[in-house]
Amino acid sequence: MIKITITSGEWTGRTRYFLGNRVIEDLKERRLGEQIKPADLFAGFMYHGDKWAVDYSSATDEEVILWFRAELVAIILQALRAGLPVKFLGREWRVREGDDPQQVAQDLEDAIVASGRMITIDSDDKKGVVVGVSGWEQ
């Protein structure tokens, strides 16, 4: 199960729960609602300038893979569009005048995939984003 709480914006404090990619309508009965594409949900947050927190503590491995990838892309794009740097393995990505944020994000994503490392978000604040590593993918 994934738990997402909005931490800024109009819906601050609102929390939604997801099982796989479905909204949980009722936690007690585990009644499921509509299917959600994680990338679309995070894109909506970015569009509105909202911040969020995702709790992966009750998630299955499959849920973590499904949701974390989409969240990572959203965090990276949000930082790049705001003019903030994103650091990964000692290198910095930043949108400069004339750059396409999507392309800069894609270049960073390519570097992340090529690294073969397990990824973490070490920090995401007003100074930018630091993408960390913790071991090797298997």
Protein backbone atom coordinates (compact mmCIF):
# COMPACT_ATOMS: atom_id res chain seq x y z
CA MET A 1 0.00 0.00 0.00
CA ILE A 2 1.19 3.49 -0.90
CA LYS A 3 0.23 6.55 1.14
CA ILE A 4 0.54 10.01 -0.43
CA THR A 5 0.01 13.22 1.54
CA ILE A 6 -0.11 16.67 -0.04
CA THR A 7 2.26 18.93 1.91
CA SER A 8 1.68 22.28 0.16
CA GLY A 9 -0.99 23.97 -1.92
CA GLU A 10 -4.77 23.99 -1.84
CA TRP A 11 -5.05 20.36 -0.71
CA THR A 12 -2.41 20.49 2.06
CA GLY A 13 -2.96 17.65 4.50
CA ARG A 14 -5.07 15.51 2.15
CA THR A 15 -3.97 11.88 2.13
CA ARG A 16 -4.83 9.16 -0.37
CA TYR A 17 -4.00 5.47 -0.20
CA PHE A 18 -3.28 3.21 -3.18
CA LEU A 19 -3.11 -0.55 -3.56
CA GLY A 20 -1.07 -1.24 -6.66
CA ASN A 21 -2.28 1.53 -8.93
CA ARG A 22 -5.82 1.69 -7.56
CA VAL A 23 -7.20 4.24 -5.13
CA ILE A 24 -8.37 2.70 -1.87
CA GLU A 25 -11.88 4.06 -1.32
CA ASP A 26 -12.37 2.39 2.06
CA LEU A 27 -9.42 1.27 4.19
CA LYS A 28 -11.46 -1.00 6.47
CA GLU A 29 -13.11 -2.96 3.68
CA ARG A 30 -10.23 -2.41 1.24
CA ARG A 31 -12.75 -1.25 -1.34
CA LEU A 32 -10.85 -0.17 -4.42
CA GLY A 33 -11.67 2.71 -6.71
CA GLU A 34 -10.32 3.84 -10.03
CA GLN A 35 -6.96 2.93 -11.50
CA ILE A 36 -4.41 5.72 -11.38
CA LYS A 37 -1.30 6.20 -13.47
CA PRO A 38 1.34 7.32 -10.97
CA ALA A 39 3.02 9.57 -13.55
CA ASP A 40 -0.29 11.34 -14.21
CA LEU A 41 -0.92 11.88 -10.50
CA PHE A 42 2.53 13.41 -9.93
CA ALA A 43 2.17 15.49 -13.12
CA GLY A 44 -1.01 16.94 -11.64
CA PHE A 45 0.81 17.84 -8.45
CA MET A 46 3.55 19.56 -10.47
CA TYR A 47 1.01 21.40 -12.62
CA HIS A 48 -0.53 22.91 -9.49
CA GLY A 49 2.84 23.52 -7.83
CA ASP A 50 2.01 21.17 -4.97
CA LYS A 51 4.53 19.28 -2.88
CA TRP A 52 3.86 15.80 -1.56
CA ALA A 53 5.22 13.06 0.68
CA VAL A 54 5.01 9.37 -0.20
CA ASP A 55 5.06 6.71 2.51
CA TYR A 56 6.41 3.45 1.08
CA SER A 57 6.59 1.65 4.45
CA SER A 58 3.63 -0.65 3.70
CA ALA A 59 4.34 -1.03 -0.02
CA THR A 60 5.14 -4.22 -1.86
CA ASP A 61 8.28 -4.33 -4.02
CA GLU A 62 6.08 -4.03 -7.10
CA GLU A 63 4.36 -0.93 -5.70
CA VAL A 64 7.69 0.69 -4.87
CA ILE A 65 8.94 0.11 -8.41
CA LEU A 66 5.70 1.41 -9.94
CA TRP A 67 5.41 4.54 -7.78
CA PHE A 68 9.02 5.48 -7.02
CA ARG A 69 10.03 5.75 -10.67
CA ALA A 70 7.17 8.12 -11.37
CA GLU A 71 7.86 10.11 -8.22
CA LEU A 72 11.57 10.39 -9.03
CA VAL A 73 10.84 11.77 -12.51
CA ALA A 74 8.39 14.29 -11.01
CA ILE A 75 10.86 15.42 -8.35
CA ILE A 76 13.60 15.85 -10.94
CA LEU A 77 11.39 17.73 -13.40
CA GLN A 78 9.96 19.97 -10.69
CA ALA A 79 13.47 20.96 -9.57
CA LEU A 80 14.77 21.51 -13.10
CA ARG A 81 11.76 23.62 -14.08
CA ALA A 82 12.32 25.74 -10.97
CA GLY A 83 15.93 26.36 -12.05
CA LEU A 84 17.36 24.19 -9.27
CA PRO A 85 20.24 21.75 -9.73
CA VAL A 86 19.89 17.99 -9.50
CA LYS A 87 22.98 16.09 -8.36
CA PHE A 88 23.75 12.44 -8.96
CA LEU A 89 27.05 10.60 -8.40
CA GLY A 90 29.06 13.79 -8.18
CA ARG A 91 27.62 15.35 -11.33
CA GLU A 92 25.14 18.22 -11.56
CA TRP A 93 22.26 18.65 -14.02
CA ARG A 94 20.69 22.06 -14.46
CA VAL A 95 18.51 23.77 -17.06
CA ARG A 96 20.38 26.59 -18.69
CA GLU A 97 18.99 29.22 -21.04
CA GLY A 98 17.69 27.51 -24.17
CA ASP A 99 17.68 24.03 -22.61
CA ASP A 100 14.60 21.83 -22.66
CA PRO A 101 13.88 20.65 -19.09
CA GLN A 102 12.45 17.39 -20.46
CA GLN A 103 15.71 16.67 -22.30
CA VAL A 104 17.86 17.51 -19.29
CA ALA A 105 15.69 15.21 -17.18
CA GLN A 106 15.98 12.47 -19.84
CA ASP A 107 19.77 12.79 -19.86
CA LEU A 108 19.80 12.44 -16.08
CA GLU A 109 17.43 9.46 -16.22
CA ASP A 110 19.75 7.82 -18.77
CA ALA A 111 22.69 8.33 -16.38
CA ILE A 112 20.68 6.83 -13.51
CA VAL A 113 19.73 3.76 -15.53
CA ALA A 114 23.27 3.32 -16.86
CA SER A 115 24.67 3.45 -13.31
CA GLY A 116 22.99 0.18 -12.37
CA ARG A 117 22.53 1.51 -8.84
CA MET A 118 19.62 1.45 -6.42
CA ILE A 119 18.32 5.00 -6.15
CA THR A 120 17.23 7.12 -3.20
CA ILE A 121 16.25 10.75 -2.78
CA ASP A 122 18.81 12.10 -0.33
CA SER A 123 17.42 15.63 -0.35
CA ASP A 124 14.77 17.72 -2.08
CA ASP A 125 14.72 21.30 -0.88
CA LYS A 126 15.25 24.91 -1.96
CA LYS A 127 18.88 24.12 -2.80
CA GLY A 128 17.90 21.42 -5.31
CA VAL A 129 17.71 17.65 -5.39
CA VAL A 130 20.35 15.10 -4.51
CA VAL A 131 19.72 11.65 -5.94
CA GLY A 132 21.60 9.12 -3.86
CA VAL A 133 22.54 5.49 -4.33
CA SER A 134 22.35 2.46 -2.10
CA GLY A 135 23.88 -0.63 -3.60
CA TRP A 136 23.48 -2.24 -6.98
CA GLU A 137 20.35 -3.34 -8.84
CA GLN A 138 20.00 -7.05 -9.26
